[in-house]
Amino acid sequence: MAAEFSFDVVSTFDRQEVLNAIDQVRRELVTRFDLKDSGSTIELDDKVIKLASASELTLDSVRDLLLTQAVSKDLRLRRGGGGGEGNGSADRETAAGAFT
């Protein structure tokens, strides 16, 4: 009986909503007093969102801003890979496909 039934799980996300969330975070990086001169950046490649900052504290703040914007746009985040290049600044990567 199991051979008669099948289903596919498809994970999709609205790329435009991801772009809107990233754009909103970039605006907050420029205007928010505690992040204005932190040198924090957020970039979107094809499948990766890159967050970079001079310290872990500001990096966590930028990550929280991104997650808040994602939730407000009904994007859910699955835990993805991450890692830094060890270039003296704090940086992390989140797969853009991790949004569902």
N, C-alpha and C. Protein backbone atom coordinates (compact mmCIF):
# COMPACT_ATOMS: atom_id res chain seq x y z
N MET A 1 0.81 -1.18 0.00
CA MET A 1 0.00 0.00 0.00
C MET A 1 0.87 1.26 0.00
N ALA A 2 2.02 1.24 0.64
CA ALA A 2 2.89 2.40 0.68
C ALA A 2 3.40 2.75 -0.71
N ALA A 3 3.51 1.77 -1.59
CA ALA A 3 4.00 2.02 -2.94
C ALA A 3 2.98 2.79 -3.78
N GLU A 4 1.74 2.81 -3.39
CA GLU A 4 0.70 3.48 -4.15
C GLU A 4 0.65 4.98 -3.89
N PHE A 5 1.16 5.42 -2.77
CA PHE A 5 1.07 6.83 -2.39
C PHE A 5 2.46 7.43 -2.27
N SER A 6 2.59 8.66 -2.70
CA SER A 6 3.84 9.38 -2.53
C SER A 6 3.54 10.87 -2.43
N PHE A 7 4.46 11.61 -1.90
CA PHE A 7 4.31 13.06 -1.84
C PHE A 7 5.69 13.68 -1.89
N ASP A 8 5.74 14.90 -2.36
CA ASP A 8 6.98 15.65 -2.44
C ASP A 8 6.90 16.84 -1.49
N VAL A 9 7.97 17.08 -0.79
CA VAL A 9 8.06 18.25 0.08
C VAL A 9 8.83 19.31 -0.68
N VAL A 10 8.22 20.46 -0.84
CA VAL A 10 8.85 21.55 -1.58
C VAL A 10 8.99 22.73 -0.64
N SER A 11 10.19 23.25 -0.56
CA SER A 11 10.44 24.41 0.27
C SER A 11 10.68 25.60 -0.64
N THR A 12 9.81 26.58 -0.57
CA THR A 12 9.96 27.77 -1.40
C THR A 12 9.93 29.01 -0.51
N PHE A 13 10.46 30.09 -1.02
CA PHE A 13 10.40 31.35 -0.32
C PHE A 13 10.28 32.46 -1.36
N ASP A 14 9.77 33.57 -0.94
CA ASP A 14 9.61 34.72 -1.81
C ASP A 14 10.90 35.52 -1.80
N ARG A 15 11.67 35.43 -2.87
CA ARG A 15 12.97 36.10 -2.93
C ARG A 15 12.81 37.62 -2.76
N GLN A 16 11.73 38.17 -3.29
CA GLN A 16 11.51 39.61 -3.16
C GLN A 16 11.36 40.01 -1.70
N GLU A 17 10.71 39.19 -0.90
CA GLU A 17 10.57 39.48 0.53
C GLU A 17 11.93 39.40 1.23
N VAL A 18 12.78 38.47 0.79
CA VAL A 18 14.14 38.39 1.36
C VAL A 18 14.90 39.67 1.01
N LEU A 19 14.79 40.10 -0.24
CA LEU A 19 15.45 41.35 -0.65
C LEU A 19 14.92 42.54 0.13
N ASN A 20 13.62 42.58 0.36
CA ASN A 20 13.03 43.67 1.14
C ASN A 20 13.55 43.67 2.58
N ALA A 21 13.65 42.49 3.17
CA ALA A 21 14.16 42.38 4.54
C ALA A 21 15.61 42.86 4.62
N ILE A 22 16.43 42.45 3.67
CA ILE A 22 17.83 42.86 3.65
C ILE A 22 17.95 44.37 3.44
N ASP A 23 17.14 44.92 2.55
CA ASP A 23 17.15 46.36 2.31
C ASP A 23 16.78 47.13 3.57
N GLN A 24 15.79 46.65 4.29
CA GLN A 24 15.37 47.31 5.54
C GLN A 24 16.49 47.27 6.59
N VAL A 25 17.18 46.14 6.68
CA VAL A 25 18.29 46.02 7.62
C VAL A 25 19.41 46.99 7.24
N ARG A 26 19.70 47.09 5.94
CA ARG A 26 20.73 48.04 5.49
C ARG A 26 20.38 49.47 5.89
N ARG A 27 19.11 49.84 5.76
CA ARG A 27 18.68 51.18 6.17
C ARG A 27 18.87 51.39 7.66
N GLU A 28 18.56 50.37 8.44
CA GLU A 28 18.73 50.50 9.89
C GLU A 28 20.21 50.59 10.26
N LEU A 29 21.09 49.93 9.51
CA LEU A 29 22.53 50.02 9.78
C LEU A 29 23.03 51.45 9.62
N VAL A 30 22.43 52.20 8.72
CA VAL A 30 22.85 53.58 8.46
C VAL A 30 22.26 54.54 9.48
N THR A 31 21.06 54.24 9.98
CA THR A 31 20.38 55.21 10.83
C THR A 31 20.43 54.92 12.32
N ARG A 32 20.59 53.66 12.70
CA ARG A 32 20.57 53.34 14.13
C ARG A 32 21.86 53.80 14.82
N PHE A 33 21.71 54.48 15.94
CA PHE A 33 22.86 55.09 16.63
C PHE A 33 23.93 54.06 16.98
N ASP A 34 23.53 52.91 17.52
CA ASP A 34 24.52 51.92 17.97
C ASP A 34 25.15 51.14 16.83
N LEU A 35 24.61 51.23 15.63
CA LEU A 35 25.18 50.49 14.49
C LEU A 35 25.72 51.39 13.39
N LYS A 36 25.50 52.70 13.52
CA LYS A 36 25.83 53.64 12.46
C LYS A 36 27.29 53.57 12.01
N ASP A 37 28.21 53.59 12.92
CA ASP A 37 29.63 53.60 12.59
C ASP A 37 30.31 52.27 12.91
N SER A 38 29.54 51.20 12.92
CA SER A 38 30.10 49.89 13.29
C SER A 38 30.81 49.19 12.14
N GLY A 39 30.61 49.66 10.90
CA GLY A 39 31.22 49.01 9.76
C GLY A 39 30.54 47.69 9.40
N SER A 40 29.36 47.48 9.91
CA SER A 40 28.62 46.25 9.64
C SER A 40 28.07 46.27 8.22
N THR A 41 28.09 45.09 7.58
CA THR A 41 27.56 44.97 6.23
C THR A 41 26.69 43.72 6.13
N ILE A 42 25.80 43.74 5.16
CA ILE A 42 24.98 42.59 4.83
C ILE A 42 24.92 42.49 3.32
N GLU A 43 25.23 41.31 2.79
CA GLU A 43 25.27 41.10 1.35
C GLU A 43 24.49 39.85 1.01
N LEU A 44 23.87 39.84 -0.16
CA LEU A 44 23.15 38.69 -0.65
C LEU A 44 23.78 38.22 -1.94
N ASP A 45 24.31 37.00 -1.94
CA ASP A 45 24.77 36.35 -3.15
C ASP A 45 23.62 35.51 -3.68
N ASP A 46 23.89 34.63 -4.61
CA ASP A 46 22.83 33.78 -5.15
C ASP A 46 22.12 32.97 -4.07
N LYS A 47 22.89 32.33 -3.21
CA LYS A 47 22.29 31.44 -2.21
C LYS A 47 22.76 31.72 -0.79
N VAL A 48 23.48 32.81 -0.59
CA VAL A 48 24.08 33.06 0.72
C VAL A 48 23.86 34.52 1.13
N ILE A 49 23.46 34.69 2.38
CA ILE A 49 23.40 36.02 2.98
C ILE A 49 24.62 36.14 3.88
N LYS A 50 25.45 37.14 3.62
CA LYS A 50 26.68 37.33 4.40
C LYS A 50 26.53 38.54 5.32
N LEU A 51 26.79 38.30 6.58
CA LEU A 51 26.79 39.36 7.59
C LEU A 51 28.22 39.55 8.05
N ALA A 52 28.67 40.79 8.13
CA ALA A 52 30.03 41.06 8.61
C ALA A 52 29.99 42.27 9.53
N SER A 53 30.83 42.22 10.56
CA SER A 53 30.92 43.32 11.50
C SER A 53 32.25 43.25 12.22
N ALA A 54 32.59 44.33 12.91
CA ALA A 54 33.87 44.39 13.60
C ALA A 54 33.86 43.62 14.91
N SER A 55 32.68 43.36 15.46
CA SER A 55 32.62 42.64 16.73
C SER A 55 31.44 41.69 16.76
N GLU A 56 31.51 40.73 17.64
CA GLU A 56 30.42 39.76 17.81
C GLU A 56 29.14 40.45 18.28
N LEU A 57 29.28 41.44 19.13
CA LEU A 57 28.12 42.14 19.67
C LEU A 57 27.30 42.80 18.57
N THR A 58 27.98 43.56 17.70
CA THR A 58 27.25 44.21 16.61
C THR A 58 26.78 43.20 15.58
N LEU A 59 27.55 42.14 15.38
CA LEU A 59 27.13 41.08 14.45
C LEU A 59 25.83 40.43 14.93
N ASP A 60 25.75 40.17 16.23
CA ASP A 60 24.52 39.61 16.78
C ASP A 60 23.35 40.57 16.63
N SER A 61 23.61 41.86 16.76
CA SER A 61 22.55 42.86 16.58
C SER A 61 22.05 42.88 15.14
N VAL A 62 22.96 42.80 14.19
CA VAL A 62 22.59 42.78 12.78
C VAL A 62 21.81 41.50 12.47
N ARG A 63 22.25 40.38 13.01
CA ARG A 63 21.54 39.11 12.81
C ARG A 63 20.13 39.20 13.39
N ASP A 64 20.00 39.77 14.57
CA ASP A 64 18.67 39.93 15.18
C ASP A 64 17.77 40.83 14.34
N LEU A 65 18.34 41.89 13.78
CA LEU A 65 17.56 42.75 12.89
C LEU A 65 17.06 41.97 11.68
N LEU A 66 17.94 41.17 11.08
CA LEU A 66 17.55 40.38 9.92
C LEU A 66 16.46 39.38 10.26
N LEU A 67 16.61 38.71 11.39
CA LEU A 67 15.60 37.73 11.79
C LEU A 67 14.27 38.41 12.09
N THR A 68 14.31 39.58 12.72
CA THR A 68 13.09 40.32 13.00
C THR A 68 12.38 40.72 11.71
N GLN A 69 13.14 41.20 10.74
CA GLN A 69 12.56 41.58 9.46
C GLN A 69 12.01 40.36 8.73
N ALA A 70 12.72 39.25 8.80
CA ALA A 70 12.27 38.02 8.13
C ALA A 70 10.95 37.54 8.73
N VAL A 71 10.85 37.57 10.04
CA VAL A 71 9.63 37.13 10.71
C VAL A 71 8.47 38.07 10.35
N SER A 72 8.73 39.36 10.29
CA SER A 72 7.66 40.31 9.96
C SER A 72 7.16 40.14 8.53
N LYS A 73 7.98 39.52 7.69
CA LYS A 73 7.59 39.28 6.30
C LYS A 73 7.19 37.82 6.07
N ASP A 74 6.88 37.12 7.17
CA ASP A 74 6.44 35.72 7.13
C ASP A 74 7.46 34.78 6.50
N LEU A 75 8.74 35.08 6.67
CA LEU A 75 9.81 34.18 6.25
C LEU A 75 10.29 33.44 7.47
N ARG A 76 10.35 32.14 7.39
CA ARG A 76 10.86 31.35 8.50
C ARG A 76 12.28 30.93 8.19
N LEU A 77 13.09 30.83 9.21
CA LEU A 77 14.50 30.50 9.01
C LEU A 77 14.80 29.11 9.51
N ARG A 78 15.42 28.32 8.65
CA ARG A 78 15.95 27.03 9.06
C ARG A 78 17.42 27.23 9.34
N ARG A 79 17.92 26.49 10.30
CA ARG A 79 19.34 26.60 10.63
C ARG A 79 20.17 26.11 9.47
N GLY A 80 21.12 26.93 9.04
CA GLY A 80 22.00 26.57 7.94
C GLY A 80 23.43 26.58 8.40
N GLY A 81 24.32 26.42 7.45
CA GLY A 81 25.75 26.42 7.76
C GLY A 81 26.22 27.81 8.10
N GLY A 82 27.44 27.92 8.38
CA GLY A 82 28.00 29.23 8.70
C GLY A 82 29.49 29.09 8.89
N GLY A 83 30.11 30.18 9.07
CA GLY A 83 31.53 30.11 9.29
C GLY A 83 32.19 31.39 8.85
N GLY A 84 33.37 31.62 9.35
CA GLY A 84 34.07 32.83 9.00
C GLY A 84 35.38 32.51 8.32
N GLU A 85 35.94 33.50 7.68
CA GLU A 85 37.21 33.32 7.01
C GLU A 85 38.38 33.62 7.93
N GLY A 86 38.11 34.08 9.13
CA GLY A 86 39.20 34.36 10.06
C GLY A 86 40.00 35.58 9.67
N ASN A 87 39.36 36.61 9.13
CA ASN A 87 40.08 37.78 8.67
C ASN A 87 40.13 38.89 9.72
N GLY A 88 39.90 38.56 10.97
CA GLY A 88 39.99 39.55 12.02
C GLY A 88 38.67 40.24 12.33
N SER A 89 37.67 40.02 11.51
CA SER A 89 36.35 40.58 11.80
C SER A 89 35.37 39.43 11.98
N ALA A 90 34.30 39.73 12.64
CA ALA A 90 33.28 38.71 12.86
C ALA A 90 32.42 38.65 11.61
N ASP A 91 32.22 37.45 11.09
CA ASP A 91 31.35 37.30 9.94
C ASP A 91 30.68 35.94 9.97
N ARG A 92 29.52 35.87 9.37
CA ARG A 92 28.76 34.63 9.30
C ARG A 92 28.04 34.57 7.98
N GLU A 93 27.70 33.37 7.56
CA GLU A 93 26.92 33.19 6.35
C GLU A 93 25.66 32.43 6.67
N THR A 94 24.58 32.78 6.04
CA THR A 94 23.32 32.09 6.17
C THR A 94 22.82 31.80 4.76
N ALA A 95 22.44 30.58 4.51
CA ALA A 95 21.96 30.22 3.18
C ALA A 95 20.66 30.95 2.91
N ALA A 96 20.57 31.61 1.76
CA ALA A 96 19.34 32.30 1.40
C ALA A 96 18.21 31.29 1.21
N GLY A 97 18.56 30.10 0.80
CA GLY A 97 17.57 29.05 0.64
C GLY A 97 17.06 28.54 1.98
N ALA A 98 17.65 29.03 3.06
CA ALA A 98 17.20 28.60 4.38
C ALA A 98 15.90 29.25 4.76
N PHE A 99 15.50 30.27 3.98
CA PHE A 99 14.20 30.88 4.23
C PHE A 99 13.14 30.04 3.56
N THR A 100 12.05 29.77 4.28
CA THR A 100 10.96 29.00 3.69
C THR A 100 9.68 29.79 3.75
